[in-house]
Amino acid sequence: MRLQGKTAIVTGGASGFGAGIVRKFTAEGASVLIADLNLALAQDVAKETGCKAVKVDVASNDSVRSLAETALAELGRVDILVNNAGITHLPKPMQDVTEDEFDRVLAVNCKSVYLTARHLVPAMTEAGKGAILNVASTAGLSPRPKLNWYNASKGWMITATKTMAVELAPAGVRVNAICPVAGETPLLKSFMGEDTPEIRAKFLSTIPIGRFSTPEDMGNAACFLCSDEAGMVTGVAMEVDGGRCI
């Protein structure tokens, strides 16, 4: 029960890595609010784990403001914020990505971190404690071709993590990131372009451990970084990638 008595928000917690984090956090004693655009799926995970769910568009200022108000009303306070929601564009030459695709990737992957900080950090700094975890990617450290603007958005998230950590440390708020390699999530097919045994084998050949990241991997790493055990850890971008970035 490493998160006993803690409260947490997990964006994009209805599936994939986010759902893995929700399951781990609730198993470790946290009270969790799932914030996801897919409310029906979020409610399924909430029912399974005994937590609560709310529909949120993390790229919308009004929606994130409402999330903050709901979280404080439902949870009383927010000890942990996990910025997990993310999207990608399909693999293609950088110049072929449409402006709408670019704007959406940057809004969901980058602007969302700004918005959650804007509406949730004040309560954390007032309380003098808190942990923020940004789910970045190995794409921000060791970019793959033809995912250029997605790579850039995750690099932005890693830099944001470090600057947030420096600014918020005096207020008692820690900020870290985890960098998974691709996993069995709804985004996997988008990363690969198409899902075939040949493409999977080529993708896996770049991961020394020889498998994809799992939601359980992310839950375990997130639990450590958001627990009091990591009280001296801030500003790190932890690679949870089976050696992909070596």
C-alpha atoms as a PDB file:
ATOM      1  CA  MET A   1       0.000   0.000   0.000  1.00  0.00           C
ATOM      2  CA  ARG A   2       2.657   2.447  -1.094  1.00  0.00           C
ATOM      3  CA  LEU A   3       0.109   5.120  -2.069  1.00  0.00           C
ATOM      4  CA  GLN A   4      -2.224   4.639   0.893  1.00  0.00           C
ATOM      5  CA  GLY A   5      -4.144   7.855   1.565  1.00  0.00           C
ATOM      6  CA  LYS A   6      -2.958   9.535  -1.643  1.00  0.00           C
ATOM      7  CA  THR A   7      -5.297  11.063  -4.218  1.00  0.00           C
ATOM      8  CA  ALA A   8      -4.499  11.057  -7.924  1.00  0.00           C
ATOM      9  CA  ILE A   9      -5.699  12.167 -11.341  1.00  0.00           C
ATOM     10  CA  VAL A  10      -4.682  10.071 -14.359  1.00  0.00           C
ATOM     11  CA  THR A  11      -5.446  11.601 -17.749  1.00  0.00           C
ATOM     12  CA  GLY A  12      -6.014   9.122 -20.549  1.00  0.00           C
ATOM     13  CA  GLY A  13      -6.603   6.508 -17.873  1.00  0.00           C
ATOM     14  CA  ALA A  14      -9.254   4.562 -19.753  1.00  0.00           C
ATOM     15  CA  SER A  15      -6.873   2.408 -21.803  1.00  0.00           C
ATOM     16  CA  GLY A  16      -3.281   1.434 -22.477  1.00  0.00           C
ATOM     17  CA  PHE A  17      -0.539   2.730 -20.205  1.00  0.00           C
ATOM     18  CA  GLY A  18      -2.983   5.015 -18.404  1.00  0.00           C
ATOM     19  CA  ALA A  19      -5.211   2.114 -17.394  1.00  0.00           C
ATOM     20  CA  GLY A  20      -2.137   0.242 -16.166  1.00  0.00           C
ATOM     21  CA  ILE A  21      -1.236   3.205 -13.985  1.00  0.00           C
ATOM     22  CA  VAL A  22      -4.788   3.442 -12.628  1.00  0.00           C
ATOM     23  CA  ARG A  23      -4.807  -0.266 -11.735  1.00  0.00           C
ATOM     24  CA  LYS A  24      -1.444  -0.039  -9.966  1.00  0.00           C
ATOM     25  CA  PHE A  25      -2.331   3.132  -8.080  1.00  0.00           C
ATOM     26  CA  THR A  26      -5.629   1.750  -6.802  1.00  0.00           C
ATOM     27  CA  ALA A  27      -3.976  -1.541  -5.840  1.00  0.00           C
ATOM     28  CA  GLU A  28      -1.464   0.482  -3.812  1.00  0.00           C
ATOM     29  CA  GLY A  29      -4.194   2.356  -1.928  1.00  0.00           C
ATOM     30  CA  ALA A  30      -4.689   5.580  -3.880  1.00  0.00           C
ATOM     31  CA  SER A  31      -8.036   7.227  -4.581  1.00  0.00           C
ATOM     32  CA  VAL A  32      -7.988   7.846  -8.329  1.00  0.00           C
ATOM     33  CA  LEU A  33      -9.996  10.010 -10.702  1.00  0.00           C
ATOM     34  CA  ILE A  34      -9.761   8.877 -14.344  1.00  0.00           C
ATOM     35  CA  ALA A  35      -9.910  11.781 -16.804  1.00  0.00           C
ATOM     36  CA  ASP A  36     -10.525  10.623 -20.355  1.00  0.00           C
ATOM     37  CA  LEU A  37     -12.308  11.698 -23.521  1.00  0.00           C
ATOM     38  CA  ASN A  38     -13.850   8.217 -23.768  1.00  0.00           C
ATOM     39  CA  LEU A  39     -16.148   8.293 -20.762  1.00  0.00           C
ATOM     40  CA  ALA A  40     -17.713   4.865 -21.366  1.00  0.00           C
ATOM     41  CA  LEU A  41     -14.314   3.158 -21.407  1.00  0.00           C
ATOM     42  CA  ALA A  42     -13.166   5.206 -18.411  1.00  0.00           C
ATOM     43  CA  GLN A  43     -16.241   4.108 -16.476  1.00  0.00           C
ATOM     44  CA  ASP A  44     -15.441   0.468 -17.245  1.00  0.00           C
ATOM     45  CA  VAL A  45     -11.961   0.856 -15.720  1.00  0.00           C
ATOM     46  CA  ALA A  46     -13.404   2.853 -12.823  1.00  0.00           C
ATOM     47  CA  LYS A  47     -15.923   0.104 -12.061  1.00  0.00           C
ATOM     48  CA  GLU A  48     -13.163  -2.513 -12.181  1.00  0.00           C
ATOM     49  CA  THR A  49     -10.825  -0.583  -9.881  1.00  0.00           C
ATOM     50  CA  GLY A  50     -13.287   1.141  -7.576  1.00  0.00           C
ATOM     51  CA  CYS A  51     -12.383   4.665  -8.582  1.00  0.00           C
ATOM     52  CA  LYS A  52     -14.218   7.484 -10.370  1.00  0.00           C
ATOM     53  CA  ALA A  53     -14.245   8.727 -13.953  1.00  0.00           C
ATOM     54  CA  VAL A  54     -14.952  12.023 -15.680  1.00  0.00           C
ATOM     55  CA  LYS A  55     -15.020  13.053 -19.329  1.00  0.00           C
ATOM     56  CA  VAL A  56     -12.237  15.516 -20.125  1.00  0.00           C
ATOM     57  CA  ASP A  57     -10.682  16.992 -23.259  1.00  0.00           C
ATOM     58  CA  VAL A  58      -7.154  17.698 -22.038  1.00  0.00           C
ATOM     59  CA  ALA A  59      -6.590  20.157 -24.901  1.00  0.00           C
ATOM     60  CA  SER A  60      -9.474  22.378 -23.748  1.00  0.00           C
ATOM     61  CA  ASN A  61      -8.943  25.036 -21.095  1.00  0.00           C
ATOM     62  CA  ASP A  62     -12.583  24.949 -19.969  1.00  0.00           C
ATOM     63  CA  SER A  63     -12.579  21.151 -19.753  1.00  0.00           C
ATOM     64  CA  VAL A  64      -9.387  21.028 -17.679  1.00  0.00           C
ATOM     65  CA  ARG A  65     -10.669  23.795 -15.407  1.00  0.00           C
ATOM     66  CA  SER A  66     -13.788  21.702 -14.824  1.00  0.00           C
ATOM     67  CA  LEU A  67     -11.586  18.671 -14.129  1.00  0.00           C
ATOM     68  CA  ALA A  68      -9.715  20.583 -11.443  1.00  0.00           C
ATOM     69  CA  GLU A  69     -12.966  21.689  -9.813  1.00  0.00           C
ATOM     70  CA  THR A  70     -14.372  18.154  -9.927  1.00  0.00           C
ATOM     71  CA  ALA A  71     -11.175  16.646  -8.552  1.00  0.00           C
ATOM     72  CA  LEU A  72     -11.052  18.994  -5.588  1.00  0.00           C
ATOM     73  CA  ALA A  73     -14.754  18.362  -4.888  1.00  0.00           C
ATOM     74  CA  GLU A  74     -14.526  14.561  -5.247  1.00  0.00           C
ATOM     75  CA  LEU A  75     -11.058  13.929  -3.791  1.00  0.00           C
ATOM     76  CA  GLY A  76     -10.625  16.897  -1.469  1.00  0.00           C
ATOM     77  CA  ARG A  77      -7.118  17.521  -2.775  1.00  0.00           C
ATOM     78  CA  VAL A  78      -4.816  16.258  -5.518  1.00  0.00           C
ATOM     79  CA  ASP A  79      -1.570  14.669  -4.332  1.00  0.00           C
ATOM     80  CA  ILE A  80      -0.582  13.119  -7.682  1.00  0.00           C
ATOM     81  CA  LEU A  81      -1.176  14.252 -11.251  1.00  0.00           C
ATOM     82  CA  VAL A  82      -0.323  11.913 -14.136  1.00  0.00           C
ATOM     83  CA  ASN A  83      -0.313  13.558 -17.551  1.00  0.00           C
ATOM     84  CA  ASN A  84      -0.710  10.409 -19.639  1.00  0.00           C
ATOM     85  CA  ALA A  85      -3.165  11.378 -22.393  1.00  0.00           C
ATOM     86  CA  GLY A  86      -1.438  11.461 -25.771  1.00  0.00           C
ATOM     87  CA  ILE A  87      -1.882  10.929 -29.491  1.00  0.00           C
ATOM     88  CA  THR A  88       0.296  10.614 -32.578  1.00  0.00           C
ATOM     89  CA  HIS A  89       0.093  11.189 -36.291  1.00  0.00           C
ATOM     90  CA  LEU A  90       0.595   8.279 -38.687  1.00  0.00           C
ATOM     91  CA  PRO A  91       4.148   7.625 -39.897  1.00  0.00           C
ATOM     92  CA  LYS A  92       4.839   9.853 -42.893  1.00  0.00           C
ATOM     93  CA  PRO A  93       7.438  12.351 -44.125  1.00  0.00           C
ATOM     94  CA  MET A  94       7.421  15.444 -41.920  1.00  0.00           C
ATOM     95  CA  GLN A  95       6.228  17.711 -44.712  1.00  0.00           C
ATOM     96  CA  ASP A  96       3.207  15.491 -45.384  1.00  0.00           C
ATOM     97  CA  VAL A  97       1.740  15.842 -41.900  1.00  0.00           C
ATOM     98  CA  THR A  98      -1.253  18.150 -42.212  1.00  0.00           C
ATOM     99  CA  GLU A  99      -1.571  21.322 -40.181  1.00  0.00           C
ATOM    100  CA  ASP A 100      -4.632  19.884 -38.428  1.00  0.00           C
ATOM    101  CA  GLU A 101      -2.683  16.739 -37.481  1.00  0.00           C
ATOM    102  CA  PHE A 102       0.214  18.826 -36.198  1.00  0.00           C
ATOM    103  CA  ASP A 103      -2.050  21.104 -34.160  1.00  0.00           C
ATOM    104  CA  ARG A 104      -3.880  18.166 -32.590  1.00  0.00           C
ATOM    105  CA  VAL A 105      -0.653  16.364 -31.589  1.00  0.00           C
ATOM    106  CA  LEU A 106       0.766  19.507 -29.990  1.00  0.00           C
ATOM    107  CA  ALA A 107      -2.536  20.329 -28.278  1.00  0.00           C
ATOM    108  CA  VAL A 108      -2.996  16.898 -26.700  1.00  0.00           C
ATOM    109  CA  ASN A 109       0.655  16.112 -25.954  1.00  0.00           C
ATOM    110  CA  CYS A 110       1.949  19.560 -24.982  1.00  0.00           C
ATOM    111  CA  LYS A 111      -0.786  22.105 -24.322  1.00  0.00           C
ATOM    112  CA  SER A 112      -2.466  19.617 -21.965  1.00  0.00           C
ATOM    113  CA  VAL A 113       0.572  19.719 -19.642  1.00  0.00           C
ATOM    114  CA  TYR A 114       0.345  23.515 -19.544  1.00  0.00           C
ATOM    115  CA  LEU A 115      -3.388  23.385 -18.845  1.00  0.00           C
ATOM    116  CA  THR A 116      -3.200  20.854 -16.031  1.00  0.00           C
ATOM    117  CA  ALA A 117      -0.357  22.859 -14.492  1.00  0.00           C
ATOM    118  CA  ARG A 118      -2.387  26.035 -14.777  1.00  0.00           C
ATOM    119  CA  HIS A 119      -5.400  24.598 -13.003  1.00  0.00           C
ATOM    120  CA  LEU A 120      -3.916  22.038 -10.592  1.00  0.00           C
ATOM    121  CA  VAL A 121      -0.464  23.273  -9.585  1.00  0.00           C
ATOM    122  CA  PRO A 122      -1.766  26.198  -7.467  1.00  0.00           C
ATOM    123  CA  ALA A 123      -3.479  23.820  -5.024  1.00  0.00           C
ATOM    124  CA  MET A 124      -0.355  21.645  -4.857  1.00  0.00           C
ATOM    125  CA  THR A 125       1.959  24.568  -4.130  1.00  0.00           C
ATOM    126  CA  GLU A 126      -0.465  25.902  -1.544  1.00  0.00           C
ATOM    127  CA  ALA A 127      -0.422  22.498   0.157  1.00  0.00           C
ATOM    128  CA  GLY A 128       3.372  22.427  -0.069  1.00  0.00           C
ATOM    129  CA  LYS A 129       3.489  18.942  -1.563  1.00  0.00           C
ATOM    130  CA  GLY A 130       2.628  16.917  -4.640  1.00  0.00           C
ATOM    131  CA  ALA A 131       3.963  14.733  -7.419  1.00  0.00           C
ATOM    132  CA  ILE A 132       3.464  15.247 -11.140  1.00  0.00           C
ATOM    133  CA  LEU A 133       4.313  12.539 -13.652  1.00  0.00           C
ATOM    134  CA  ASN A 134       4.451  13.210 -17.381  1.00  0.00           C
ATOM    135  CA  VAL A 135       4.256  10.164 -19.644  1.00  0.00           C
ATOM    136  CA  ALA A 136       6.745  11.027 -22.365  1.00  0.00           C
ATOM    137  CA  SER A 137       8.347   8.509 -24.729  1.00  0.00           C
ATOM    138  CA  THR A 138      11.611   7.117 -26.020  1.00  0.00           C
ATOM    139  CA  ALA A 139      10.582   9.071 -29.137  1.00  0.00           C
ATOM    140  CA  GLY A 140      11.655  12.212 -27.296  1.00  0.00           C
ATOM    141  CA  LEU A 141      15.117  10.757 -26.611  1.00  0.00           C
ATOM    142  CA  SER A 142      15.862   8.556 -29.631  1.00  0.00           C
ATOM    143  CA  PRO A 143      13.493   9.613 -32.411  1.00  0.00           C
ATOM    144  CA  ARG A 144      12.219   7.240 -35.075  1.00  0.00           C
ATOM    145  CA  PRO A 145      11.967   8.459 -38.695  1.00  0.00           C
ATOM    146  CA  LYS A 146       8.588   9.609 -40.024  1.00  0.00           C
ATOM    147  CA  LEU A 147       7.156  10.360 -36.595  1.00  0.00           C
ATOM    148  CA  ASN A 148       8.828  13.755 -36.563  1.00  0.00           C
ATOM    149  CA  TRP A 149       6.229  15.978 -34.899  1.00  0.00           C
ATOM    150  CA  TYR A 150       5.194  13.300 -32.420  1.00  0.00           C
ATOM    151  CA  ASN A 151       8.881  12.895 -31.511  1.00  0.00           C
ATOM    152  CA  ALA A 152       9.153  16.651 -31.070  1.00  0.00           C
ATOM    153  CA  SER A 153       6.087  16.784 -28.819  1.00  0.00           C
ATOM    154  CA  LYS A 154       7.593  14.174 -26.495  1.00  0.00           C
ATOM    155  CA  GLY A 155      10.930  15.991 -26.471  1.00  0.00           C
ATOM    156  CA  TRP A 156       8.984  19.080 -25.445  1.00  0.00           C
ATOM    157  CA  MET A 157       7.381  17.107 -22.628  1.00  0.00           C
ATOM    158  CA  ILE A 158      10.770  15.977 -21.311  1.00  0.00           C
ATOM    159  CA  THR A 159      12.077  19.562 -21.277  1.00  0.00           C
ATOM    160  CA  ALA A 160       8.843  20.745 -19.660  1.00  0.00           C
ATOM    161  CA  THR A 161       9.315  18.109 -16.962  1.00  0.00           C
ATOM    162  CA  LYS A 162      12.771  19.406 -16.108  1.00  0.00           C
ATOM    163  CA  THR A 163      11.830  23.063 -16.020  1.00  0.00           C
ATOM    164  CA  MET A 164       8.689  22.336 -13.994  1.00  0.00           C
ATOM    165  CA  ALA A 165      10.827  20.340 -11.547  1.00  0.00           C
ATOM    166  CA  VAL A 166      13.246  23.226 -11.044  1.00  0.00           C
ATOM    167  CA  GLU A 167      10.515  25.786 -10.554  1.00  0.00           C
ATOM    168  CA  LEU A 168       8.287  23.725  -8.275  1.00  0.00           C
ATOM    169  CA  ALA A 169      10.934  22.060  -6.076  1.00  0.00           C
ATOM    170  CA  PRO A 170      11.009  24.920  -3.519  1.00  0.00           C
ATOM    171  CA  ALA A 171       7.233  24.498  -3.115  1.00  0.00           C
ATOM    172  CA  GLY A 172       7.585  20.792  -2.329  1.00  0.00           C
ATOM    173  CA  VAL A 173       6.217  19.539  -5.658  1.00  0.00           C
ATOM    174  CA  ARG A 174       8.222  16.924  -7.568  1.00  0.00           C
ATOM    175  CA  VAL A 175       7.937  16.498 -11.349  1.00  0.00           C
ATOM    176  CA  ASN A 176       9.234  13.491 -13.269  1.00  0.00           C
ATOM    177  CA  ALA A 177       8.646  11.710 -16.561  1.00  0.00           C
ATOM    178  CA  ILE A 178       8.652   8.137 -17.772  1.00  0.00           C
ATOM    179  CA  CYS A 179       9.741   7.218 -21.283  1.00  0.00           C
ATOM    180  CA  PRO A 180       8.194   3.964 -22.485  1.00  0.00           C
ATOM    181  CA  VAL A 181       8.940   2.317 -25.777  1.00  0.00           C
ATOM    182  CA  ALA A 182       5.852   1.379 -27.802  1.00  0.00           C
ATOM    183  CA  GLY A 183       3.494  -1.074 -26.152  1.00  0.00           C
ATOM    184  CA  GLU A 184       0.304  -3.021 -26.661  1.00  0.00           C
ATOM    185  CA  THR A 185      -1.869   0.089 -26.564  1.00  0.00           C
ATOM    186  CA  PRO A 186      -4.332   1.704 -28.980  1.00  0.00           C
ATOM    187  CA  LEU A 187      -1.442   3.792 -30.382  1.00  0.00           C
ATOM    188  CA  LEU A 188       0.748   0.844 -31.421  1.00  0.00           C
ATOM    189  CA  LYS A 189      -0.771   0.449 -34.875  1.00  0.00           C
ATOM    190  CA  SER A 190      -0.471   4.196 -35.443  1.00  0.00           C
ATOM    191  CA  PHE A 191       3.242   4.120 -34.582  1.00  0.00           C
ATOM    192  CA  MET A 192       3.918   1.239 -36.935  1.00  0.00           C
ATOM    193  CA  GLY A 193       1.676   2.435 -39.755  1.00  0.00           C
ATOM    194  CA  GLU A 194       0.271  -1.075 -40.109  1.00  0.00           C
ATOM    195  CA  ASP A 195       0.331  -4.095 -37.823  1.00  0.00           C
ATOM    196  CA  THR A 196       1.937  -7.086 -39.512  1.00  0.00           C
ATOM    197  CA  PRO A 197       4.232  -9.816 -38.119  1.00  0.00           C
ATOM    198  CA  GLU A 198       7.091  -8.463 -40.252  1.00  0.00           C
ATOM    199  CA  ILE A 199       6.735  -4.890 -39.010  1.00  0.00           C
ATOM    200  CA  ARG A 200       6.389  -6.075 -35.408  1.00  0.00           C
ATOM    201  CA  ALA A 201       9.560  -8.139 -35.737  1.00  0.00           C
ATOM    202  CA  LYS A 202      11.454  -5.169 -37.166  1.00  0.00           C
ATOM    203  CA  PHE A 203      10.170  -2.924 -34.366  1.00  0.00           C
ATOM    204  CA  LEU A 204      11.024  -5.430 -31.639  1.00  0.00           C
ATOM    205  CA  SER A 205      14.537  -5.904 -33.050  1.00  0.00           C
ATOM    206  CA  THR A 206      15.380  -2.393 -31.787  1.00  0.00           C
ATOM    207  CA  ILE A 207      14.474  -3.297 -28.172  1.00  0.00           C
ATOM    208  CA  PRO A 208      17.265  -5.302 -26.482  1.00  0.00           C
ATOM    209  CA  ILE A 209      14.929  -6.984 -23.983  1.00  0.00           C
ATOM    210  CA  GLY A 210      12.866  -8.097 -26.957  1.00  0.00           C
ATOM    211  CA  ARG A 211       9.339  -7.099 -25.996  1.00  0.00           C
ATOM    212  CA  PHE A 212       7.064  -4.090 -25.945  1.00  0.00           C
ATOM    213  CA  SER A 213       6.411  -1.997 -22.840  1.00  0.00           C
ATOM    214  CA  THR A 214       3.320  -3.125 -20.950  1.00  0.00           C
ATOM    215  CA  PRO A 215       0.750  -1.169 -18.922  1.00  0.00           C
ATOM    216  CA  GLU A 216       2.072  -3.041 -15.871  1.00  0.00           C
ATOM    217  CA  ASP A 217       5.607  -1.777 -16.569  1.00  0.00           C
ATOM    218  CA  MET A 218       4.320   1.783 -16.645  1.00  0.00           C
ATOM    219  CA  GLY A 219       2.218   1.298 -13.523  1.00  0.00           C
ATOM    220  CA  ASN A 220       5.197   0.011 -11.562  1.00  0.00           C
ATOM    221  CA  ALA A 221       7.494   2.860 -12.644  1.00  0.00           C
ATOM    222  CA  ALA A 222       4.793   5.467 -12.072  1.00  0.00           C
ATOM    223  CA  CYS A 223       4.049   4.113  -8.608  1.00  0.00           C
ATOM    224  CA  PHE A 224       7.661   4.478  -7.530  1.00  0.00           C
ATOM    225  CA  LEU A 225       8.106   7.985  -8.917  1.00  0.00           C
ATOM    226  CA  CYS A 226       4.846   9.208  -7.382  1.00  0.00           C
ATOM    227  CA  SER A 227       5.388   7.567  -3.993  1.00  0.00           C
ATOM    228  CA  ASP A 228       7.235   8.960  -0.990  1.00  0.00           C
ATOM    229  CA  GLU A 229      10.020   6.460  -1.749  1.00  0.00           C
ATOM    230  CA  ALA A 230      11.082   8.819  -4.554  1.00  0.00           C
ATOM    231  CA  GLY A 231      11.132  11.855  -2.294  1.00  0.00           C
ATOM    232  CA  MET A 232      14.599  12.870  -3.530  1.00  0.00           C
ATOM    233  CA  VAL A 233      13.828  12.242  -7.202  1.00  0.00           C
ATOM    234  CA  THR A 234      12.720  15.130  -9.398  1.00  0.00           C
ATOM    235  CA  GLY A 235      13.365  16.233 -12.965  1.00  0.00           C
ATOM    236  CA  VAL A 236      14.213  12.771 -14.294  1.00  0.00           C
ATOM    237  CA  ALA A 237      13.017  11.205 -17.544  1.00  0.00           C
ATOM    238  CA  MET A 238      13.128   7.525 -16.612  1.00  0.00           C
ATOM    239  CA  GLU A 239      13.547   5.159 -19.551  1.00  0.00           C
ATOM    240  CA  VAL A 240      11.207   2.173 -19.182  1.00  0.00           C
ATOM    241  CA  ASP A 241      12.115   0.821 -22.573  1.00  0.00           C
ATOM    242  CA  GLY A 242      13.942  -2.508 -22.354  1.00  0.00           C
ATOM    243  CA  GLY A 243      17.183  -0.850 -23.423  1.00  0.00           C
ATOM    244  CA  ARG A 244      15.801   0.872 -26.538  1.00  0.00           C
ATOM    245  CA  CYS A 245      17.720   4.108 -25.853  1.00  0.00           C
ATOM    246  CA  ILE A 246      21.105   2.523 -25.102  1.00  0.00           C
END
